[in-house]
Amino acid sequence: MNQRDELILKYAADLKDKCGVTPNMDLLKKVTIACGPSIYNADSSTVSSSDASEIARVKNNFLIKKLGLKDVPDLNIGIDNIMDQYGRTNRKKYRAVVYYLLTKHFGKESAY
């Protein structure tokens, strides 16, 4: 098993254990692949829910550019809901898991 496949299994476990979600493994794999090399870097592989610039980056680069959503207040509400679901005190919020949850939250699976 290669490193990416191991990470996908780790992300699936996070979705089940920390978020209470049974993941669609095909979608999770596509989201993980779309994250590119960032998943292999300790800093860029996670999302800080307390860093406003990080949240803005998720909103602009992922929700607006990747998923094609309009910049409306619902985006911030969706991000807040996902961060609450993942656990704000959880220090390791994996980017691929956050992106997967946001994709499902906004019903944008067709982007993959």
Protein backbone atom coordinates (compact mmCIF):
# COMPACT_ATOMS: atom_id res chain seq x y z
CA MET A 1 0.00 0.00 0.00
CA ASN A 2 1.40 3.39 -0.95
CA GLN A 3 1.54 6.46 1.28
CA ARG A 4 -1.54 8.09 -0.28
CA ASP A 5 -3.65 4.97 0.29
CA GLU A 6 -2.52 4.88 3.92
CA LEU A 7 -3.54 8.53 4.33
CA ILE A 8 -6.95 7.84 2.76
CA LEU A 9 -7.51 5.08 5.34
CA LYS A 10 -6.48 7.49 8.11
CA TYR A 11 -8.92 10.09 6.77
CA ALA A 12 -11.71 7.50 6.58
CA ALA A 13 -11.05 6.57 10.22
CA ASP A 14 -11.22 10.25 11.21
CA LEU A 15 -14.54 10.64 9.40
CA LYS A 16 -15.97 7.63 11.23
CA ASP A 17 -14.47 8.19 14.67
CA LYS A 18 -14.43 11.98 15.01
CA CYS A 19 -17.24 13.08 12.70
CA GLY A 20 -19.66 10.17 12.89
CA VAL A 21 -19.73 9.87 9.10
CA THR A 22 -19.42 6.74 6.99
CA PRO A 23 -17.36 8.00 4.05
CA ASN A 24 -17.95 7.42 0.38
CA MET A 25 -14.47 6.01 -0.27
CA ASP A 26 -14.52 6.89 -3.96
CA LEU A 27 -15.28 10.54 -3.22
CA LEU A 28 -12.75 10.62 -0.37
CA LYS A 29 -10.07 9.29 -2.71
CA LYS A 30 -10.90 11.93 -5.34
CA VAL A 31 -10.85 14.73 -2.76
CA THR A 32 -7.53 13.48 -1.39
CA ILE A 33 -5.95 13.29 -4.84
CA ALA A 34 -7.19 16.81 -5.60
CA CYS A 35 -5.38 18.11 -2.49
CA GLY A 36 -2.15 17.27 -4.27
CA PRO A 37 1.18 17.24 -2.45
CA SER A 38 -0.19 19.27 0.47
CA ILE A 39 -1.32 16.03 2.16
CA TYR A 40 2.32 14.97 2.62
CA ASN A 41 3.41 18.15 4.44
CA ALA A 42 2.75 18.31 8.19
CA ASP A 43 1.69 21.97 8.11
CA SER A 44 -0.37 22.08 4.93
CA SER A 45 -2.07 18.72 5.52
CA THR A 46 -4.14 20.21 8.35
CA VAL A 47 -6.57 23.11 8.72
CA SER A 48 -6.53 25.40 11.74
CA SER A 49 -10.05 26.41 12.69
CA SER A 50 -8.74 29.24 14.87
CA ASP A 51 -6.68 30.89 12.10
CA ALA A 52 -8.84 33.42 10.21
CA SER A 53 -6.46 33.50 7.23
CA GLU A 54 -6.63 29.70 6.96
CA ILE A 55 -10.43 29.75 7.00
CA ALA A 56 -10.41 32.49 4.34
CA ARG A 57 -8.07 30.34 2.23
CA VAL A 58 -10.42 27.34 2.52
CA LYS A 59 -13.35 29.56 1.56
CA ASN A 60 -11.65 31.25 -1.41
CA ASN A 61 -9.46 28.49 -2.81
CA PHE A 62 -11.72 25.53 -2.18
CA LEU A 63 -15.36 26.57 -1.88
CA ILE A 64 -15.33 29.39 -4.42
CA LYS A 65 -12.61 28.33 -6.88
CA LYS A 66 -12.80 24.53 -6.73
CA LEU A 67 -16.47 23.94 -5.98
CA GLY A 68 -17.69 27.02 -7.86
CA LEU A 69 -19.86 28.38 -5.05
CA LYS A 70 -20.86 32.03 -4.80
CA ASP A 71 -19.34 34.13 -2.01
CA VAL A 72 -22.34 34.32 0.31
CA PRO A 73 -22.64 34.21 4.13
CA ASP A 74 -23.76 30.56 3.92
CA LEU A 75 -20.15 29.60 3.11
CA ASN A 76 -18.92 30.83 6.49
CA ILE A 77 -21.83 29.10 8.22
CA GLY A 78 -20.99 25.86 6.40
CA ILE A 79 -17.32 26.09 7.41
CA ASP A 80 -18.35 26.73 11.03
CA ASN A 81 -20.68 23.71 10.98
CA ILE A 82 -17.94 21.48 9.60
CA MET A 83 -15.40 22.70 12.16
CA ASP A 84 -17.91 22.01 14.93
CA GLN A 85 -18.62 18.54 13.51
CA TYR A 86 -14.89 17.73 13.30
CA GLY A 87 -14.34 19.14 16.80
CA ARG A 88 -12.89 22.58 17.35
CA THR A 89 -10.58 21.26 20.06
CA ASN A 90 -9.27 18.57 17.72
CA ARG A 91 -5.82 19.90 16.78
CA LYS A 92 -5.40 17.66 13.73
CA LYS A 93 -8.15 18.54 11.30
CA TYR A 94 -6.94 16.98 8.09
CA ARG A 95 -7.45 19.14 5.00
CA ALA A 96 -8.79 16.23 2.93
CA VAL A 97 -11.37 15.43 5.63
CA VAL A 98 -12.45 19.07 5.90
CA TYR A 99 -12.74 19.32 2.10
CA TYR A 100 -14.69 16.05 1.96
CA LEU A 101 -17.13 17.27 4.62
CA LEU A 102 -17.55 20.63 2.88
CA THR A 103 -18.14 18.91 -0.46
CA LYS A 104 -20.88 16.77 1.08
CA HIS A 105 -22.32 19.69 3.10
CA PHE A 106 -22.79 21.83 0.01
CA GLY A 107 -23.86 18.90 -2.23
CA LYS A 108 -21.05 19.50 -4.70
CA GLU A 109 -19.93 15.90 -5.26
CA SER A 110 -20.30 16.57 -8.98
CA ALA A 111 -17.17 18.76 -8.82
CA TYR A 112 -15.24 15.49 -8.65
